[in-house]
């Protein structure tokens, strides 16, 4: 399990993992108003691929949006695929989201 951090500003932010000050994985989003988050892309360093790091970032994002009544529109192919496979997260998707 990694320690996922969250940074944001008025326009968007990211859920990320860093080691020794270097960002090794991140899921980047923009906000569309106060109630909709658009996941733009996910990037995981080659050294961490296949270890579930991307899914852990997305899990932190799902917890955050649930706590803040935000709906998600995943444009990122990784996030879309993970939502499609993880039925228990689909409640946070915007209505009619195509996976």
Protein backbone atom coordinates (compact mmCIF):
# COMPACT_ATOMS: atom_id res chain seq x y z
CA UNK A 1 0.00 0.00 0.00
CA UNK A 2 1.33 3.41 -0.97
CA UNK A 3 0.72 6.78 0.66
CA UNK A 4 -1.47 8.69 -1.78
CA UNK A 5 -1.32 12.48 -1.53
CA UNK A 6 -3.74 15.01 -2.97
CA UNK A 7 -3.03 18.48 -4.26
CA UNK A 8 -5.55 20.85 -5.78
CA UNK A 9 -6.21 24.41 -6.81
CA UNK A 10 -9.33 26.20 -8.07
CA UNK A 11 -9.21 24.47 -11.47
CA UNK A 12 -8.19 20.91 -10.65
CA UNK A 13 -5.52 18.78 -9.08
CA UNK A 14 -4.05 15.33 -8.74
CA UNK A 15 -3.83 12.29 -6.55
CA UNK A 16 -0.21 11.22 -6.51
CA UNK A 17 2.55 9.13 -5.00
CA UNK A 18 6.05 10.44 -4.49
CA UNK A 19 9.27 8.99 -3.16
CA UNK A 20 12.21 11.12 -2.07
CA UNK A 21 10.57 14.21 -3.53
CA UNK A 22 10.01 12.67 -6.98
CA UNK A 23 6.47 12.16 -8.24
CA UNK A 24 6.30 8.57 -9.48
CA UNK A 25 2.57 8.23 -10.11
CA UNK A 26 -0.33 10.61 -10.55
CA UNK A 27 -3.96 10.81 -11.59
CA UNK A 28 -4.72 14.31 -12.88
CA UNK A 29 -8.16 15.92 -12.99
CA UNK A 30 -9.89 19.21 -13.72
CA UNK A 31 -13.06 20.43 -12.09
CA UNK A 32 -16.14 21.37 -14.13
CA UNK A 33 -17.95 23.47 -11.55
CA UNK A 34 -18.07 22.37 -7.94
CA UNK A 35 -19.78 19.03 -8.46
CA UNK A 36 -18.06 17.39 -11.44
CA UNK A 37 -14.50 16.09 -11.73
CA UNK A 38 -12.99 15.10 -15.07
CA UNK A 39 -10.11 12.62 -14.89
CA UNK A 40 -7.71 13.62 -17.67
CA UNK A 41 -4.84 11.18 -17.36
CA UNK A 42 -2.98 8.72 -15.19
CA UNK A 43 0.77 8.21 -15.27
CA UNK A 44 2.72 5.57 -13.34
CA UNK A 45 6.50 5.25 -13.49
CA UNK A 46 7.74 2.11 -15.24
CA UNK A 47 9.34 0.91 -11.98
CA UNK A 48 5.87 0.72 -10.37
CA UNK A 49 3.79 -0.66 -13.23
CA UNK A 50 1.78 -3.80 -12.55
CA UNK A 51 1.74 -3.23 -8.78
CA UNK A 52 -1.73 -1.72 -8.50
CA UNK A 53 -0.47 1.81 -7.92
CA UNK A 54 -2.85 3.36 -10.46
CA UNK A 55 -5.80 1.62 -8.85
CA UNK A 56 -4.73 2.89 -5.41
CA UNK A 57 -4.68 6.45 -6.78
CA UNK A 58 -8.16 5.93 -8.18
CA UNK A 59 -9.39 4.46 -4.90
CA UNK A 60 -8.25 7.61 -3.07
CA UNK A 61 -10.02 9.72 -5.69
CA UNK A 62 -13.25 7.74 -5.25
CA UNK A 63 -13.11 8.18 -1.46
CA UNK A 64 -12.57 11.92 -1.92
CA UNK A 65 -15.45 12.45 -4.36
CA UNK A 66 -17.85 10.39 -2.23
CA UNK A 67 -17.02 12.49 0.82
CA UNK A 68 -17.52 15.71 -1.16
CA UNK A 69 -20.61 14.85 -3.26
CA UNK A 70 -18.72 15.12 -6.54
CA UNK A 71 -19.47 13.08 -9.67
CA UNK A 72 -16.71 11.82 -11.97
CA UNK A 73 -16.32 11.79 -15.74
CA UNK A 74 -13.31 9.61 -16.65
CA UNK A 75 -11.71 10.61 -19.97
CA UNK A 76 -8.47 8.78 -19.13
CA UNK A 77 -8.47 5.27 -20.68
CA UNK A 78 -6.97 3.71 -17.53
CA UNK A 79 -9.58 5.32 -15.25
CA UNK A 80 -12.41 4.31 -17.61
CA UNK A 81 -11.25 0.69 -17.69
CA UNK A 82 -10.83 0.56 -13.91
CA UNK A 83 -14.32 1.98 -13.33
CA UNK A 84 -15.73 -0.58 -15.79
CA UNK A 85 -14.10 -3.43 -13.82
CA UNK A 86 -14.91 -2.06 -10.35
CA UNK A 87 -18.69 -2.03 -10.04
CA UNK A 88 -18.64 -0.77 -6.44
CA UNK A 89 -17.13 2.53 -7.63
CA UNK A 90 -19.64 3.24 -10.37
CA UNK A 91 -21.94 5.21 -8.04
CA UNK A 92 -19.57 8.19 -8.33
CA UNK A 93 -19.81 8.41 -12.12
CA UNK A 94 -21.78 11.16 -13.84
CA UNK A 95 -25.08 9.97 -15.22
CA UNK A 96 -24.72 8.29 -18.63
CA UNK A 97 -20.92 8.04 -18.44
CA UNK A 98 -19.62 5.79 -21.22
CA UNK A 99 -17.08 3.23 -20.02
